[in-house]
Amino acid sequence: MDKLTDFFKMLSDETRVRILVLLYHKKLCVCQMCGIMEETQPKISKHLAKLRDMGFVKDERKEQFIYYYLNLKNKLFEDVLKNIIDNIDEYETLKNDIKRQDGAEEYLPTCKR
């Protein structure tokens, strides 16, 4: 039951939902998410840590960057997220994030090295 309540707590925050939708499409580092979402690094990092601690996100180091990606081992999690993606036109903020994600590579120079 704890996993189910954790899942709905995770979805109760707009920033976390935005991160999950972005990561549904591709692996990203913190600076890319900051640029796409127009949010601060501490805010994104805090939510990523929470998502990672809850087991919804994993990370891997690639050179000097840490890339985050979804852990889609939970069927309910995957189905709900897919439903959000399939209805993206209903969520203007998420739709705009996805549009900006196409240029995610341009945000890499802003990362601290």
C-alpha atoms as a PDB file:
ATOM      1  CA  MET A   1       0.000   0.000   0.000  1.00  0.00           C
ATOM      2  CA  ASP A   2       2.927   2.378   0.681  1.00  0.00           C
ATOM      3  CA  LYS A   3       4.022   2.245  -2.970  1.00  0.00           C
ATOM      4  CA  LEU A   4       0.538   3.227  -4.104  1.00  0.00           C
ATOM      5  CA  THR A   5       0.317   6.214  -1.765  1.00  0.00           C
ATOM      6  CA  ASP A   6       3.888   7.231  -2.700  1.00  0.00           C
ATOM      7  CA  PHE A   7       2.877   7.122  -6.353  1.00  0.00           C
ATOM      8  CA  PHE A   8      -0.040   9.495  -5.847  1.00  0.00           C
ATOM      9  CA  LYS A   9       2.025  11.801  -3.637  1.00  0.00           C
ATOM     10  CA  MET A  10       4.581  11.931  -6.423  1.00  0.00           C
ATOM     11  CA  LEU A  11       1.891  12.935  -8.935  1.00  0.00           C
ATOM     12  CA  SER A  12       0.546  15.654  -6.644  1.00  0.00           C
ATOM     13  CA  ASP A  13       3.405  18.023  -7.528  1.00  0.00           C
ATOM     14  CA  GLU A  14       3.488  19.869 -10.864  1.00  0.00           C
ATOM     15  CA  THR A  15       7.291  19.988 -11.065  1.00  0.00           C
ATOM     16  CA  ARG A  16       7.596  16.233 -10.553  1.00  0.00           C
ATOM     17  CA  VAL A  17       4.951  15.523 -13.204  1.00  0.00           C
ATOM     18  CA  ARG A  18       6.776  17.800 -15.639  1.00  0.00           C
ATOM     19  CA  ILE A  19      10.064  15.994 -14.961  1.00  0.00           C
ATOM     20  CA  LEU A  20       8.457  12.591 -15.458  1.00  0.00           C
ATOM     21  CA  VAL A  21       6.877  13.619 -18.759  1.00  0.00           C
ATOM     22  CA  LEU A  22      10.220  14.927 -20.024  1.00  0.00           C
ATOM     23  CA  LEU A  23      12.029  11.775 -18.943  1.00  0.00           C
ATOM     24  CA  TYR A  24       9.371   9.644 -20.609  1.00  0.00           C
ATOM     25  CA  HIS A  25      10.751  10.894 -23.928  1.00  0.00           C
ATOM     26  CA  LYS A  26      14.518  10.828 -23.278  1.00  0.00           C
ATOM     27  CA  LYS A  27      17.328  10.860 -20.737  1.00  0.00           C
ATOM     28  CA  LEU A  28      18.214  14.353 -19.543  1.00  0.00           C
ATOM     29  CA  CYS A  29      20.650  15.997 -17.155  1.00  0.00           C
ATOM     30  CA  VAL A  30      19.644  18.601 -14.572  1.00  0.00           C
ATOM     31  CA  CYS A  31      20.807  21.582 -16.619  1.00  0.00           C
ATOM     32  CA  GLN A  32      18.749  20.444 -19.598  1.00  0.00           C
ATOM     33  CA  MET A  33      15.641  20.113 -17.423  1.00  0.00           C
ATOM     34  CA  CYS A  34      16.303  23.547 -15.897  1.00  0.00           C
ATOM     35  CA  GLY A  35      16.510  25.109 -19.362  1.00  0.00           C
ATOM     36  CA  ILE A  36      13.450  23.313 -20.707  1.00  0.00           C
ATOM     37  CA  MET A  37      11.289  23.953 -17.647  1.00  0.00           C
ATOM     38  CA  GLU A  38      12.741  27.402 -16.914  1.00  0.00           C
ATOM     39  CA  GLU A  39      13.250  26.415 -13.282  1.00  0.00           C
ATOM     40  CA  THR A  40      16.222  26.667 -10.922  1.00  0.00           C
ATOM     41  CA  GLN A  41      18.800  23.930 -10.484  1.00  0.00           C
ATOM     42  CA  PRO A  42      18.117  23.492  -6.734  1.00  0.00           C
ATOM     43  CA  LYS A  43      14.394  23.028  -7.366  1.00  0.00           C
ATOM     44  CA  ILE A  44      14.920  20.435 -10.122  1.00  0.00           C
ATOM     45  CA  SER A  45      17.603  18.610  -8.130  1.00  0.00           C
ATOM     46  CA  LYS A  46      15.378  18.427  -5.045  1.00  0.00           C
ATOM     47  CA  HIS A  47      12.544  16.849  -7.018  1.00  0.00           C
ATOM     48  CA  LEU A  48      14.876  14.470  -8.859  1.00  0.00           C
ATOM     49  CA  ALA A  49      16.289  13.282  -5.534  1.00  0.00           C
ATOM     50  CA  LYS A  50      12.768  12.618  -4.271  1.00  0.00           C
ATOM     51  CA  LEU A  51      11.827  10.752  -7.458  1.00  0.00           C
ATOM     52  CA  ARG A  52      15.038   8.723  -7.280  1.00  0.00           C
ATOM     53  CA  ASP A  53      14.512   7.888  -3.596  1.00  0.00           C
ATOM     54  CA  MET A  54      10.985   6.709  -4.404  1.00  0.00           C
ATOM     55  CA  GLY A  55      12.342   4.497  -7.197  1.00  0.00           C
ATOM     56  CA  PHE A  56      10.641   6.261 -10.113  1.00  0.00           C
ATOM     57  CA  VAL A  57      13.844   7.692 -11.606  1.00  0.00           C
ATOM     58  CA  LYS A  58      17.360   6.307 -12.013  1.00  0.00           C
ATOM     59  CA  ASP A  59      20.564   8.023 -13.025  1.00  0.00           C
ATOM     60  CA  GLU A  60      23.787   7.273 -14.862  1.00  0.00           C
ATOM     61  CA  ARG A  61      27.009   9.206 -15.288  1.00  0.00           C
ATOM     62  CA  LYS A  62      28.151  10.001 -18.823  1.00  0.00           C
ATOM     63  CA  GLU A  63      31.434  11.912 -18.806  1.00  0.00           C
ATOM     64  CA  GLN A  64      30.908  14.945 -16.543  1.00  0.00           C
ATOM     65  CA  PHE A  65      27.087  14.779 -16.679  1.00  0.00           C
ATOM     66  CA  ILE A  66      24.566  12.743 -14.730  1.00  0.00           C
ATOM     67  CA  TYR A  67      21.607  11.754 -16.882  1.00  0.00           C
ATOM     68  CA  TYR A  68      18.253  10.804 -15.415  1.00  0.00           C
ATOM     69  CA  TYR A  69      15.775   8.337 -16.867  1.00  0.00           C
ATOM     70  CA  LEU A  70      12.521   6.663 -15.857  1.00  0.00           C
ATOM     71  CA  ASN A  71      12.295   3.378 -14.014  1.00  0.00           C
ATOM     72  CA  LEU A  72       9.190   1.948 -15.697  1.00  0.00           C
ATOM     73  CA  LYS A  73       8.966  -1.350 -13.827  1.00  0.00           C
ATOM     74  CA  ASN A  74       5.622  -0.464 -12.238  1.00  0.00           C
ATOM     75  CA  LYS A  75       2.691  -1.122 -14.610  1.00  0.00           C
ATOM     76  CA  LEU A  76       0.357   1.403 -12.939  1.00  0.00           C
ATOM     77  CA  PHE A  77       3.044   4.081 -13.110  1.00  0.00           C
ATOM     78  CA  GLU A  78       3.703   3.357 -16.760  1.00  0.00           C
ATOM     79  CA  ASP A  79      -0.025   3.325 -17.670  1.00  0.00           C
ATOM     80  CA  VAL A  80      -0.788   6.628 -15.910  1.00  0.00           C
ATOM     81  CA  LEU A  81       2.217   8.342 -17.440  1.00  0.00           C
ATOM     82  CA  LYS A  82       1.347   7.009 -20.904  1.00  0.00           C
ATOM     83  CA  ASN A  83      -2.203   8.313 -20.471  1.00  0.00           C
ATOM     84  CA  ILE A  84      -0.855  11.777 -19.656  1.00  0.00           C
ATOM     85  CA  ILE A  85       1.424  11.652 -22.721  1.00  0.00           C
ATOM     86  CA  ASP A  86      -1.404  10.427 -24.963  1.00  0.00           C
ATOM     87  CA  ASN A  87      -3.492  13.434 -23.861  1.00  0.00           C
ATOM     88  CA  ILE A  88      -0.678  15.998 -23.848  1.00  0.00           C
ATOM     89  CA  ASP A  89      -2.760  18.539 -25.782  1.00  0.00           C
ATOM     90  CA  GLU A  90      -4.905  18.989 -22.677  1.00  0.00           C
ATOM     91  CA  TYR A  91      -1.892  20.172 -20.637  1.00  0.00           C
ATOM     92  CA  GLU A  92      -0.404  23.373 -22.055  1.00  0.00           C
ATOM     93  CA  THR A  93       2.625  23.463 -19.736  1.00  0.00           C
ATOM     94  CA  LEU A  94       3.557  19.871 -20.524  1.00  0.00           C
ATOM     95  CA  LYS A  95       3.061  20.449 -24.239  1.00  0.00           C
ATOM     96  CA  ASN A  96       5.375  23.474 -24.123  1.00  0.00           C
ATOM     97  CA  ASP A  97       8.000  21.493 -22.199  1.00  0.00           C
ATOM     98  CA  ILE A  98       7.974  18.806 -24.884  1.00  0.00           C
ATOM     99  CA  LYS A  99       8.392  21.417 -27.625  1.00  0.00           C
ATOM    100  CA  ARG A 100      11.409  22.920 -25.812  1.00  0.00           C
ATOM    101  CA  GLN A 101      12.859  19.453 -25.226  1.00  0.00           C
ATOM    102  CA  ASP A 102      13.783  19.197 -28.906  1.00  0.00           C
ATOM    103  CA  GLY A 103      16.524  21.759 -28.256  1.00  0.00           C
ATOM    104  CA  ALA A 104      17.707  20.190 -24.988  1.00  0.00           C
ATOM    105  CA  GLU A 105      21.320  19.907 -26.175  1.00  0.00           C
ATOM    106  CA  GLU A 106      21.623  23.701 -26.237  1.00  0.00           C
ATOM    107  CA  TYR A 107      21.330  23.745 -22.426  1.00  0.00           C
ATOM    108  CA  LEU A 108      24.414  21.560 -21.848  1.00  0.00           C
ATOM    109  CA  PRO A 109      26.878  24.500 -21.937  1.00  0.00           C
ATOM    110  CA  THR A 110      25.023  25.984 -18.948  1.00  0.00           C
ATOM    111  CA  CYS A 111      25.922  23.004 -16.759  1.00  0.00           C
ATOM    112  CA  LYS A 112      28.593  23.460 -14.141  1.00  0.00           C
ATOM    113  CA  ARG A 113      31.649  21.460 -15.068  1.00  0.00           C
END
